[in-house]
Structures are given as C-alpha cells and as structure tokens.
Amino acid sequence: MLAAMNHNLAAGLTILLVGVVIVVAIWEAIWKLIALWKSARNDQMAWFICLAIFNTAGILPILYILFFQRKANNQPV
C-alpha cells in the first residue's frame, strides 16, 4: 500500500516538474526573442551574441530590455 502511494506521489511530482519546465521555457523564449530583436535593430552585436548563447530563464533579456538597450535617439543608456 505504501509503495503505491509513493508511486502516485512520484508521478504527480514528475507531472508538476514537467509543467514548470515548460512554463519556464516559454517564459525564456518570449523574453529572449524580444531582446534579440531589439539588440539586432540597435546594431548591438555583442548583446545579440550573449543573448543568443546564454540561457538565464529570462533574466539577461529582461536586464537588457530594461537597462542596456539604446534609447529612441540611438544613445546608449
């Protein structure tokens, strides 16, 4: 009986973990695509390469969008 409960618990946790990974992957992809597009439009090749290489669950793309992208008058922040 205890083995069956442990099996059900493990199956539930596995499903939960897979769901969390999928949500984090979608979150990362959205932020990464926005940041890559903005860095390409602003001719910031170094940022484009860093954003394309590193997977940081959306942290690096969000930092780029908030603090490091060029302003509308093409001046660095």
C-alpha atoms as a PDB file:
ATOM      1  CA  MET A   1       0.000   0.000   0.000  1.00  0.00           C
ATOM      2  CA  LEU A   2       2.804   2.410   0.899  1.00  0.00           C
ATOM      3  CA  ALA A   3       4.636   1.605  -2.343  1.00  0.00           C
ATOM      4  CA  ALA A   4       1.545   2.504  -4.364  1.00  0.00           C
ATOM      5  CA  MET A   5       1.228   5.839  -2.546  1.00  0.00           C
ATOM      6  CA  ASN A   6       4.905   6.618  -3.191  1.00  0.00           C
ATOM      7  CA  HIS A   7       4.458   5.754  -6.869  1.00  0.00           C
ATOM      8  CA  ASN A   8       1.437   8.074  -7.150  1.00  0.00           C
ATOM      9  CA  LEU A   9       3.326  10.869  -5.383  1.00  0.00           C
ATOM     10  CA  ALA A  10       6.330  10.457  -7.681  1.00  0.00           C
ATOM     11  CA  ALA A  11       4.097  10.511 -10.758  1.00  0.00           C
ATOM     12  CA  GLY A  12       2.385  13.676  -9.547  1.00  0.00           C
ATOM     13  CA  LEU A  13       5.673  15.413  -8.823  1.00  0.00           C
ATOM     14  CA  THR A  14       7.008  14.410 -12.240  1.00  0.00           C
ATOM     15  CA  ILE A  15       3.992  15.924 -13.960  1.00  0.00           C
ATOM     16  CA  LEU A  16       4.369  19.096 -11.886  1.00  0.00           C
ATOM     17  CA  LEU A  17       8.073  19.346 -12.710  1.00  0.00           C
ATOM     18  CA  VAL A  18       7.449  18.896 -16.433  1.00  0.00           C
ATOM     19  CA  GLY A  19       4.806  21.630 -16.289  1.00  0.00           C
ATOM     20  CA  VAL A  20       7.164  24.026 -14.517  1.00  0.00           C
ATOM     21  CA  VAL A  21       9.937  23.355 -17.048  1.00  0.00           C
ATOM     22  CA  ILE A  22       7.558  24.029 -19.940  1.00  0.00           C
ATOM     23  CA  VAL A  23       6.364  27.311 -18.408  1.00  0.00           C
ATOM     24  CA  VAL A  24       9.953  28.471 -17.740  1.00  0.00           C
ATOM     25  CA  ALA A  25      10.973  27.536 -21.303  1.00  0.00           C
ATOM     26  CA  ILE A  26       8.108  29.569 -22.787  1.00  0.00           C
ATOM     27  CA  TRP A  27       8.942  32.500 -20.465  1.00  0.00           C
ATOM     28  CA  GLU A  28      12.592  32.381 -21.554  1.00  0.00           C
ATOM     29  CA  ALA A  29      11.718  32.147 -25.244  1.00  0.00           C
ATOM     30  CA  ILE A  30       9.412  35.173 -25.178  1.00  0.00           C
ATOM     31  CA  TRP A  31      11.897  37.433 -23.391  1.00  0.00           C
ATOM     32  CA  LYS A  32      14.819  36.153 -25.449  1.00  0.00           C
ATOM     33  CA  LEU A  33      13.070  36.795 -28.765  1.00  0.00           C
ATOM     34  CA  ILE A  34      12.111  40.335 -27.748  1.00  0.00           C
ATOM     35  CA  ALA A  35      15.635  41.127 -26.548  1.00  0.00           C
ATOM     36  CA  LEU A  36      17.265  39.568 -29.621  1.00  0.00           C
ATOM     37  CA  TRP A  37      15.012  41.591 -31.904  1.00  0.00           C
ATOM     38  CA  LYS A  38      15.769  44.837 -30.057  1.00  0.00           C
ATOM     39  CA  SER A  39      19.526  44.218 -29.981  1.00  0.00           C
ATOM     40  CA  ALA A  40      19.570  43.420 -33.696  1.00  0.00           C
ATOM     41  CA  ARG A  41      17.585  46.562 -34.512  1.00  0.00           C
ATOM     42  CA  ASN A  42      20.020  48.649 -32.446  1.00  0.00           C
ATOM     43  CA  ASP A  43      23.122  47.084 -34.072  1.00  0.00           C
ATOM     44  CA  GLN A  44      24.383  45.783 -30.717  1.00  0.00           C
ATOM     45  CA  MET A  45      26.158  42.652 -31.920  1.00  0.00           C
ATOM     46  CA  ALA A  46      27.819  41.819 -28.586  1.00  0.00           C
ATOM     47  CA  TRP A  47      24.459  41.842 -26.803  1.00  0.00           C
ATOM     48  CA  PHE A  48      22.883  39.805 -29.601  1.00  0.00           C
ATOM     49  CA  ILE A  49      25.549  37.100 -29.285  1.00  0.00           C
ATOM     50  CA  CYS A  50      25.355  36.990 -25.466  1.00  0.00           C
ATOM     51  CA  LEU A  51      21.573  36.809 -25.517  1.00  0.00           C
ATOM     52  CA  ALA A  52      21.638  34.053 -28.127  1.00  0.00           C
ATOM     53  CA  ILE A  53      24.185  31.921 -26.256  1.00  0.00           C
ATOM     54  CA  PHE A  54      23.210  32.166 -22.587  1.00  0.00           C
ATOM     55  CA  ASN A  55      20.004  30.708 -21.138  1.00  0.00           C
ATOM     56  CA  THR A  56      19.187  32.536 -17.909  1.00  0.00           C
ATOM     57  CA  ALA A  57      15.431  31.915 -17.548  1.00  0.00           C
ATOM     58  CA  GLY A  58      14.707  35.380 -18.894  1.00  0.00           C
ATOM     59  CA  ILE A  59      16.932  37.333 -16.507  1.00  0.00           C
ATOM     60  CA  LEU A  60      19.549  38.514 -19.020  1.00  0.00           C
ATOM     61  CA  PRO A  61      16.970  39.504 -21.681  1.00  0.00           C
ATOM     62  CA  ILE A  62      14.942  41.443 -19.116  1.00  0.00           C
ATOM     63  CA  LEU A  63      18.066  43.263 -17.898  1.00  0.00           C
ATOM     64  CA  TYR A  64      18.975  44.128 -21.482  1.00  0.00           C
ATOM     65  CA  ILE A  65      15.495  45.444 -22.273  1.00  0.00           C
ATOM     66  CA  LEU A  66      15.252  47.492 -19.080  1.00  0.00           C
ATOM     67  CA  PHE A  67      18.774  48.906 -18.777  1.00  0.00           C
ATOM     68  CA  PHE A  68      21.047  48.366 -21.775  1.00  0.00           C
ATOM     69  CA  GLN A  69      19.113  48.884 -24.978  1.00  0.00           C
ATOM     70  CA  ARG A  70      19.623  52.173 -26.735  1.00  0.00           C
ATOM     71  CA  LYS A  71      17.117  54.948 -26.293  1.00  0.00           C
ATOM     72  CA  ALA A  72      14.956  56.181 -29.195  1.00  0.00           C
ATOM     73  CA  ASN A  73      17.581  58.808 -30.118  1.00  0.00           C
ATOM     74  CA  ASN A  74      20.190  55.985 -30.509  1.00  0.00           C
ATOM     75  CA  GLN A  75      22.209  56.982 -27.431  1.00  0.00           C
ATOM     76  CA  PRO A  76      23.452  54.234 -25.105  1.00  0.00           C
ATOM     77  CA  VAL A  77      21.931  54.191 -21.635  1.00  0.00           C
END
